[in-house]
Amino acid sequence: MNNLELFHFHLERVIYVLKFQDKQLVEYWIEHLHLSLDYQYTDSLLTAAVFELSATDTDTCRWVLDNFSDCPPYTDLFESVTRFAIGKLIQKGFILGQDFSFTSEGKILLNENTKTTLMTDTSASDSLLLEKVLLVPQQIHSLTI
């Protein structure tokens, strides 16, 4: 097998395990991958799996992001998505400190109208990832109840 075929083979296995939505099983599988493969390779597999699931299985993708958001490949992914969102907001003419800001957790705080404008021409898979870094005031209120 060449490197691309091998990566695809491993990616299919990771996606298969993630679809069980069993946190203990996934943690065991990730640990096994880290022991048998390079950490960077494993992180690439986990990131690729999220992108694949965001296009093919949104329920599993949401489950992964909800349960493993503190995992290194996903924290890196969220940082990239945050930079993407900021760039898009600035490109659309929004101003930091006026139209959007940041929470102490690093999420982008914005009003509903700004969020709607940001999401207007965003693909479904990008929207799924953006939802994890965007926060509107109504969500903050519901988190404190």
N, C-alpha and C. Protein backbone atom coordinates (compact mmCIF):
# COMPACT_ATOMS: atom_id res chain seq x y z
N MET A 1 0.84 -1.18 0.00
CA MET A 1 0.00 0.00 0.00
C MET A 1 0.89 1.25 0.00
N ASN A 2 0.51 2.23 -0.81
CA ASN A 2 1.25 3.49 -0.75
C ASN A 2 0.74 4.32 0.44
N ASN A 3 1.40 5.43 0.72
CA ASN A 3 1.07 6.23 1.90
C ASN A 3 -0.36 6.75 1.90
N LEU A 4 -0.85 7.18 0.73
CA LEU A 4 -2.22 7.69 0.65
C LEU A 4 -3.23 6.59 0.91
N GLU A 5 -3.00 5.41 0.34
CA GLU A 5 -3.91 4.28 0.58
C GLU A 5 -3.90 3.87 2.05
N LEU A 6 -2.73 3.89 2.66
CA LEU A 6 -2.62 3.54 4.07
C LEU A 6 -3.35 4.56 4.95
N PHE A 7 -3.19 5.84 4.64
CA PHE A 7 -3.90 6.88 5.39
C PHE A 7 -5.41 6.69 5.26
N HIS A 8 -5.87 6.44 4.04
CA HIS A 8 -7.30 6.23 3.81
C HIS A 8 -7.80 5.00 4.58
N PHE A 9 -7.01 3.95 4.60
CA PHE A 9 -7.35 2.73 5.35
C PHE A 9 -7.52 3.06 6.83
N HIS A 10 -6.54 3.77 7.41
CA HIS A 10 -6.62 4.15 8.82
C HIS A 10 -7.79 5.11 9.08
N LEU A 11 -8.02 6.03 8.16
CA LEU A 11 -9.12 6.98 8.29
C LEU A 11 -10.46 6.26 8.34
N GLU A 12 -10.65 5.27 7.50
CA GLU A 12 -11.91 4.49 7.51
C GLU A 12 -12.10 3.81 8.86
N ARG A 13 -11.02 3.30 9.44
CA ARG A 13 -11.11 2.63 10.74
C ARG A 13 -11.46 3.62 11.85
N VAL A 14 -10.84 4.79 11.81
CA VAL A 14 -11.13 5.82 12.83
C VAL A 14 -12.60 6.24 12.74
N ILE A 15 -13.09 6.48 11.53
CA ILE A 15 -14.49 6.89 11.35
C ILE A 15 -15.42 5.78 11.83
N TYR A 16 -15.08 4.53 11.54
CA TYR A 16 -15.88 3.39 11.98
C TYR A 16 -16.00 3.38 13.51
N VAL A 17 -14.89 3.59 14.20
CA VAL A 17 -14.90 3.59 15.67
C VAL A 17 -15.67 4.80 16.21
N LEU A 18 -15.48 5.97 15.61
CA LEU A 18 -16.18 7.17 16.07
C LEU A 18 -17.69 7.03 15.95
N LYS A 19 -18.15 6.33 14.94
CA LYS A 19 -19.60 6.19 14.73
C LYS A 19 -20.29 5.40 15.83
N PHE A 20 -19.54 4.67 16.63
CA PHE A 20 -20.16 3.98 17.77
C PHE A 20 -20.58 4.96 18.85
N GLN A 21 -19.99 6.15 18.85
CA GLN A 21 -20.28 7.19 19.84
C GLN A 21 -20.17 6.66 21.27
N ASP A 22 -19.09 5.93 21.48
CA ASP A 22 -18.78 5.36 22.79
C ASP A 22 -17.46 5.99 23.24
N LYS A 23 -17.54 6.89 24.21
CA LYS A 23 -16.37 7.67 24.61
C LYS A 23 -15.22 6.78 25.07
N GLN A 24 -15.48 5.77 25.87
CA GLN A 24 -14.42 4.88 26.35
C GLN A 24 -13.75 4.15 25.19
N LEU A 25 -14.55 3.66 24.26
CA LEU A 25 -14.00 2.96 23.10
C LEU A 25 -13.12 3.90 22.28
N VAL A 26 -13.58 5.11 22.05
CA VAL A 26 -12.82 6.07 21.25
C VAL A 26 -11.52 6.44 21.97
N GLU A 27 -11.59 6.66 23.28
CA GLU A 27 -10.38 6.97 24.04
C GLU A 27 -9.37 5.83 23.95
N TYR A 28 -9.86 4.59 24.08
CA TYR A 28 -8.99 3.42 23.96
C TYR A 28 -8.36 3.37 22.56
N TRP A 29 -9.18 3.60 21.54
CA TRP A 29 -8.71 3.54 20.16
C TRP A 29 -7.65 4.62 19.90
N ILE A 30 -7.88 5.82 20.39
CA ILE A 30 -6.91 6.91 20.22
C ILE A 30 -5.60 6.55 20.92
N GLU A 31 -5.71 6.02 22.12
CA GLU A 31 -4.50 5.60 22.85
C GLU A 31 -3.75 4.53 22.07
N HIS A 32 -4.47 3.58 21.53
CA HIS A 32 -3.86 2.52 20.72
C HIS A 32 -3.17 3.11 19.48
N LEU A 33 -3.82 4.06 18.82
CA LEU A 33 -3.22 4.70 17.65
C LEU A 33 -1.95 5.45 18.02
N HIS A 34 -1.99 6.16 19.14
CA HIS A 34 -0.81 6.90 19.60
C HIS A 34 0.37 5.95 19.88
N LEU A 35 0.06 4.77 20.39
CA LEU A 35 1.13 3.81 20.69
C LEU A 35 1.69 3.15 19.42
N SER A 36 0.82 2.93 18.44
CA SER A 36 1.27 2.20 17.26
C SER A 36 1.65 3.10 16.08
N LEU A 37 1.18 4.34 16.10
CA LEU A 37 1.47 5.28 15.01
C LEU A 37 2.05 6.56 15.61
N ASP A 38 2.59 7.37 14.79
CA ASP A 38 3.13 8.66 15.20
C ASP A 38 1.99 9.57 15.69
N TYR A 39 2.24 10.36 16.73
CA TYR A 39 1.22 11.27 17.28
C TYR A 39 0.70 12.23 16.21
N GLN A 40 1.60 12.78 15.42
CA GLN A 40 1.18 13.75 14.40
C GLN A 40 0.29 13.06 13.35
N TYR A 41 0.63 11.84 12.99
CA TYR A 41 -0.16 11.08 12.03
C TYR A 41 -1.55 10.81 12.61
N THR A 42 -1.59 10.40 13.88
CA THR A 42 -2.87 10.14 14.55
C THR A 42 -3.72 11.40 14.61
N ASP A 43 -3.10 12.52 14.96
CA ASP A 43 -3.84 13.78 15.01
C ASP A 43 -4.39 14.15 13.64
N SER A 44 -3.61 13.88 12.60
CA SER A 44 -4.09 14.14 11.23
C SER A 44 -5.28 13.26 10.89
N LEU A 45 -5.23 12.01 11.33
CA LEU A 45 -6.36 11.10 11.12
C LEU A 45 -7.62 11.61 11.82
N LEU A 46 -7.48 12.04 13.06
CA LEU A 46 -8.63 12.52 13.83
C LEU A 46 -9.22 13.80 13.23
N THR A 47 -8.35 14.68 12.75
CA THR A 47 -8.83 15.90 12.10
C THR A 47 -9.53 15.57 10.80
N ALA A 48 -8.93 14.71 9.99
CA ALA A 48 -9.54 14.31 8.72
C ALA A 48 -10.89 13.63 8.96
N ALA A 49 -10.98 12.85 10.03
CA ALA A 49 -12.24 12.18 10.35
C ALA A 49 -13.34 13.19 10.64
N VAL A 50 -13.02 14.25 11.37
CA VAL A 50 -14.03 15.28 11.68
C VAL A 50 -14.49 15.96 10.39
N PHE A 51 -13.55 16.28 9.51
CA PHE A 51 -13.94 16.90 8.25
C PHE A 51 -14.82 15.97 7.42
N GLU A 52 -14.47 14.70 7.37
CA GLU A 52 -15.27 13.72 6.63
C GLU A 52 -16.66 13.58 7.26
N LEU A 53 -16.71 13.48 8.58
CA LEU A 53 -17.99 13.34 9.27
C LEU A 53 -18.84 14.60 9.16
N SER A 54 -18.21 15.77 9.10
CA SER A 54 -18.99 17.01 8.97
C SER A 54 -19.75 17.04 7.65
N ALA A 55 -19.27 16.30 6.66
CA ALA A 55 -19.94 16.25 5.36
C ALA A 55 -20.85 15.04 5.21
N THR A 56 -20.60 13.98 6.00
CA THR A 56 -21.33 12.74 5.78
C THR A 56 -22.20 12.28 6.94
N ASP A 57 -21.86 12.69 8.16
CA ASP A 57 -22.59 12.21 9.34
C ASP A 57 -22.52 13.28 10.43
N THR A 58 -23.40 14.27 10.31
CA THR A 58 -23.33 15.43 11.22
C THR A 58 -23.59 15.04 12.68
N ASP A 59 -24.42 14.04 12.92
CA ASP A 59 -24.68 13.63 14.31
C ASP A 59 -23.41 13.12 14.98
N THR A 60 -22.68 12.26 14.29
CA THR A 60 -21.43 11.74 14.84
C THR A 60 -20.40 12.85 14.96
N CYS A 61 -20.35 13.73 13.99
CA CYS A 61 -19.41 14.85 14.04
C CYS A 61 -19.69 15.71 15.26
N ARG A 62 -20.93 16.05 15.51
CA ARG A 62 -21.30 16.84 16.69
C ARG A 62 -20.89 16.11 17.97
N TRP A 63 -21.15 14.80 18.00
CA TRP A 63 -20.81 14.01 19.18
C TRP A 63 -19.30 14.07 19.43
N VAL A 64 -18.51 13.90 18.38
CA VAL A 64 -17.04 13.95 18.52
C VAL A 64 -16.61 15.31 19.05
N LEU A 65 -17.12 16.38 18.44
CA LEU A 65 -16.72 17.73 18.85
C LEU A 65 -17.19 18.04 20.27
N ASP A 66 -18.34 17.54 20.66
CA ASP A 66 -18.84 17.76 22.02
C ASP A 66 -18.03 16.99 23.06
N ASN A 67 -17.59 15.79 22.71
CA ASN A 67 -16.93 14.92 23.68
C ASN A 67 -15.40 14.98 23.67
N PHE A 68 -14.82 15.50 22.60
CA PHE A 68 -13.36 15.50 22.49
C PHE A 68 -12.81 16.87 22.12
N SER A 69 -13.54 17.92 22.44
CA SER A 69 -13.10 19.27 22.09
C SER A 69 -11.79 19.66 22.78
N ASP A 70 -11.45 18.98 23.88
CA ASP A 70 -10.20 19.29 24.57
C ASP A 70 -9.03 18.44 24.09
N CYS A 71 -9.27 17.58 23.12
CA CYS A 71 -8.21 16.75 22.52
C CYS A 71 -7.33 17.65 21.62
N PRO A 72 -6.00 17.51 21.68
CA PRO A 72 -5.12 18.40 20.91
C PRO A 72 -5.48 18.61 19.43
N PRO A 73 -5.81 17.58 18.66
CA PRO A 73 -6.11 17.92 17.26
C PRO A 73 -7.35 18.81 17.12
N TYR A 74 -8.29 18.68 18.04
CA TYR A 74 -9.51 19.46 17.94
C TYR A 74 -9.33 20.87 18.50
N THR A 75 -8.49 21.02 19.51
CA THR A 75 -8.22 22.38 19.98
C THR A 75 -7.51 23.17 18.88
N ASP A 76 -6.60 22.50 18.17
CA ASP A 76 -5.94 23.14 17.03
C ASP A 76 -6.94 23.47 15.93
N LEU A 77 -7.86 22.56 15.70
CA LEU A 77 -8.89 22.77 14.68
C LEU A 77 -9.77 23.96 15.05
N PHE A 78 -10.17 24.05 16.32
CA PHE A 78 -11.01 25.17 16.76
C PHE A 78 -10.28 26.50 16.64
N GLU A 79 -8.98 26.49 16.90
CA GLU A 79 -8.19 27.71 16.72
C GLU A 79 -8.20 28.14 15.26
N SER A 80 -8.07 27.18 14.35
CA SER A 80 -8.11 27.49 12.91
C SER A 80 -9.49 27.99 12.49
N VAL A 81 -10.53 27.36 13.01
CA VAL A 81 -11.90 27.78 12.69
C VAL A 81 -12.15 29.18 13.24
N THR A 82 -11.63 29.48 14.42
CA THR A 82 -11.78 30.81 15.00
C THR A 82 -11.09 31.86 14.12
N ARG A 83 -9.87 31.56 13.67
CA ARG A 83 -9.16 32.50 12.78
C ARG A 83 -9.94 32.68 11.48
N PHE A 84 -10.50 31.59 10.95
CA PHE A 84 -11.31 31.65 9.73
C PHE A 84 -12.52 32.56 9.95
N ALA A 85 -13.20 32.39 11.09
CA ALA A 85 -14.39 33.20 11.40
C ALA A 85 -14.04 34.67 11.55
N ILE A 86 -12.94 34.95 12.23
CA ILE A 86 -12.53 36.34 12.40
C ILE A 86 -12.23 36.98 11.05
N GLY A 87 -11.51 36.26 10.21
CA GLY A 87 -11.22 36.77 8.88
C GLY A 87 -12.48 37.05 8.08
N LYS A 88 -13.42 36.14 8.19
CA LYS A 88 -14.68 36.30 7.47
C LYS A 88 -15.48 37.49 8.01
N LEU A 89 -15.48 37.65 9.34
CA LEU A 89 -16.19 38.78 9.95
C LEU A 89 -15.57 40.11 9.50
N ILE A 90 -14.26 40.19 9.53
CA ILE A 90 -13.57 41.42 9.11
C ILE A 90 -13.81 41.68 7.62
N GLN A 91 -13.77 40.63 6.82
CA GLN A 91 -14.02 40.76 5.38
C GLN A 91 -15.43 41.30 5.11
N LYS A 92 -16.37 40.95 5.97
CA LYS A 92 -17.75 41.41 5.80
C LYS A 92 -17.97 42.79 6.43
N GLY A 93 -16.89 43.39 6.97
CA GLY A 93 -16.98 44.75 7.48
C GLY A 93 -17.28 44.87 8.96
N PHE A 94 -17.30 43.77 9.68
CA PHE A 94 -17.56 43.83 11.12
C PHE A 94 -16.28 44.24 11.85
N ILE A 95 -16.46 44.90 13.00
CA ILE A 95 -15.34 45.47 13.73
C ILE A 95 -15.22 44.80 15.10
N LEU A 96 -13.99 44.32 15.40
CA LEU A 96 -13.70 43.71 16.70
C LEU A 96 -13.93 44.75 17.80
N GLY A 97 -14.61 44.34 18.85
CA GLY A 97 -14.90 45.25 19.96
C GLY A 97 -16.20 46.00 19.78
N GLN A 98 -16.68 46.06 18.57
CA GLN A 98 -17.95 46.74 18.31
C GLN A 98 -19.01 45.72 17.89
N ASP A 99 -18.68 44.90 16.90
CA ASP A 99 -19.65 43.92 16.39
C ASP A 99 -19.44 42.52 16.95
N PHE A 100 -18.23 42.25 17.41
CA PHE A 100 -17.94 40.95 18.00
C PHE A 100 -16.77 41.09 18.98
N SER A 101 -16.69 40.14 19.90
CA SER A 101 -15.60 40.12 20.88
C SER A 101 -15.33 38.65 21.24
N PHE A 102 -14.57 38.44 22.30
CA PHE A 102 -14.22 37.08 22.70
C PHE A 102 -14.64 36.81 24.13
N THR A 103 -14.98 35.57 24.40
CA THR A 103 -15.25 35.15 25.77
C THR A 103 -13.93 34.71 26.40
N SER A 104 -13.93 34.48 27.69
CA SER A 104 -12.72 34.01 28.37
C SER A 104 -12.30 32.62 27.90
N GLU A 105 -13.23 31.87 27.31
CA GLU A 105 -12.92 30.53 26.78
C GLU A 105 -12.42 30.59 25.34
N GLY A 106 -12.34 31.82 24.78
CA GLY A 106 -11.84 31.97 23.41
C GLY A 106 -12.91 31.86 22.34
N LYS A 107 -14.17 31.77 22.74
CA LYS A 107 -15.25 31.75 21.75
C LYS A 107 -15.52 33.17 21.26
N ILE A 108 -16.08 33.26 20.07
CA ILE A 108 -16.41 34.57 19.50
C ILE A 108 -17.83 34.92 19.92
N LEU A 109 -17.95 36.03 20.63
CA LEU A 109 -19.25 36.52 21.09
C LEU A 109 -19.76 37.53 20.07
N LEU A 110 -20.94 37.29 19.55
CA LEU A 110 -21.53 38.18 18.56
C LEU A 110 -23.04 38.14 18.67
N ASN A 111 -23.70 39.18 18.14
CA ASN A 111 -25.16 39.20 18.21
C ASN A 111 -25.74 38.30 17.10
N GLU A 112 -26.99 38.03 17.22
CA GLU A 112 -27.66 37.10 16.29
C GLU A 112 -27.59 37.59 14.84
N ASN A 113 -27.75 38.90 14.61
CA ASN A 113 -27.70 39.43 13.24
C ASN A 113 -26.32 39.25 12.62
N THR A 114 -25.27 39.50 13.41
CA THR A 114 -23.90 39.31 12.92
C THR A 114 -23.66 37.84 12.59
N LYS A 115 -24.14 36.97 13.46
CA LYS A 115 -23.98 35.53 13.23
C LYS A 115 -24.72 35.10 11.95
N THR A 116 -25.93 35.59 11.77
CA THR A 116 -26.70 35.26 10.58
C THR A 116 -25.97 35.70 9.32
N THR A 117 -25.42 36.91 9.34
CA THR A 117 -24.67 37.42 8.19
C THR A 117 -23.45 36.56 7.93
N LEU A 118 -22.75 36.19 8.98
CA LEU A 118 -21.56 35.35 8.85
C LEU A 118 -21.90 33.99 8.25
N MET A 119 -23.01 33.41 8.66
CA MET A 119 -23.37 32.06 8.23
C MET A 119 -24.07 32.01 6.88
N THR A 120 -24.43 33.17 6.32
CA THR A 120 -25.22 33.21 5.09
C THR A 120 -24.65 32.37 3.95
N ASP A 121 -23.39 32.57 3.63
CA ASP A 121 -22.81 31.85 2.49
C ASP A 121 -21.82 30.79 2.93
N THR A 122 -22.10 30.16 4.06
CA THR A 122 -21.22 29.16 4.63
C THR A 122 -21.77 27.76 4.35
N SER A 123 -20.91 26.85 3.97
CA SER A 123 -21.34 25.48 3.69
C SER A 123 -21.84 24.81 4.97
N ALA A 124 -22.58 23.74 4.81
CA ALA A 124 -23.14 23.02 5.96
C ALA A 124 -22.03 22.48 6.85
N SER A 125 -20.96 21.94 6.27
CA SER A 125 -19.88 21.39 7.08
C SER A 125 -19.12 22.50 7.80
N ASP A 126 -18.89 23.65 7.14
CA ASP A 126 -18.25 24.78 7.81
C ASP A 126 -19.15 25.33 8.92
N SER A 127 -20.45 25.36 8.68
CA SER A 127 -21.40 25.85 9.69
C SER A 127 -21.32 25.01 10.96
N LEU A 128 -21.19 23.71 10.79
CA LEU A 128 -21.11 22.81 11.93
C LEU A 128 -19.89 23.14 12.79
N LEU A 129 -18.76 23.42 12.16
CA LEU A 129 -17.55 23.77 12.89
C LEU A 129 -17.65 25.17 13.49
N LEU A 130 -18.21 26.11 12.74
CA LEU A 130 -18.36 27.48 13.23
C LEU A 130 -19.25 27.53 14.46
N GLU A 131 -20.29 26.73 14.48
CA GLU A 131 -21.22 26.71 15.62
C GLU A 131 -20.49 26.42 16.93
N LYS A 132 -19.36 25.72 16.85
CA LYS A 132 -18.61 25.36 18.06
C LYS A 132 -17.75 26.50 18.59
N VAL A 133 -17.52 27.54 17.78
CA VAL A 133 -16.69 28.67 18.24
C VAL A 133 -17.46 29.96 18.37
N LEU A 134 -18.71 29.98 17.92
CA LEU A 134 -19.53 31.20 17.99
C LEU A 134 -20.49 31.12 19.17
N LEU A 135 -20.72 32.26 19.78
CA LEU A 135 -21.62 32.32 20.92
C LEU A 135 -22.42 33.61 20.84
N VAL A 136 -23.74 33.50 20.95
CA VAL A 136 -24.61 34.68 20.98
C VAL A 136 -25.07 34.88 22.42
N PRO A 137 -25.41 36.13 22.79
CA PRO A 137 -25.80 36.40 24.19
C PRO A 137 -26.89 35.47 24.73
N GLN A 138 -27.83 35.07 23.91
CA GLN A 138 -28.90 34.18 24.38
C GLN A 138 -28.32 32.85 24.86
N GLN A 139 -27.25 32.39 24.22
CA GLN A 139 -26.62 31.13 24.64
C GLN A 139 -25.94 31.30 25.99
N ILE A 140 -25.36 32.44 26.23
CA ILE A 140 -24.72 32.69 27.53
C ILE A 140 -25.77 32.65 28.62
N HIS A 141 -26.92 33.28 28.37
CA HIS A 141 -28.01 33.27 29.36
C HIS A 141 -28.46 31.85 29.64
N SER A 142 -28.61 31.02 28.60
CA SER A 142 -29.08 29.65 28.82
C SER A 142 -28.04 28.80 29.53
N LEU A 143 -26.74 29.15 29.42
CA LEU A 143 -25.70 28.41 30.11
C LEU A 143 -25.68 28.70 31.61
N THR A 144 -26.21 29.85 32.01
CA THR A 144 -26.17 30.24 33.42
C THR A 144 -27.43 29.85 34.18
N ILE A 145 -28.41 29.34 33.49
CA ILE A 145 -29.67 28.95 34.15
C ILE A 145 -29.55 27.56 34.74
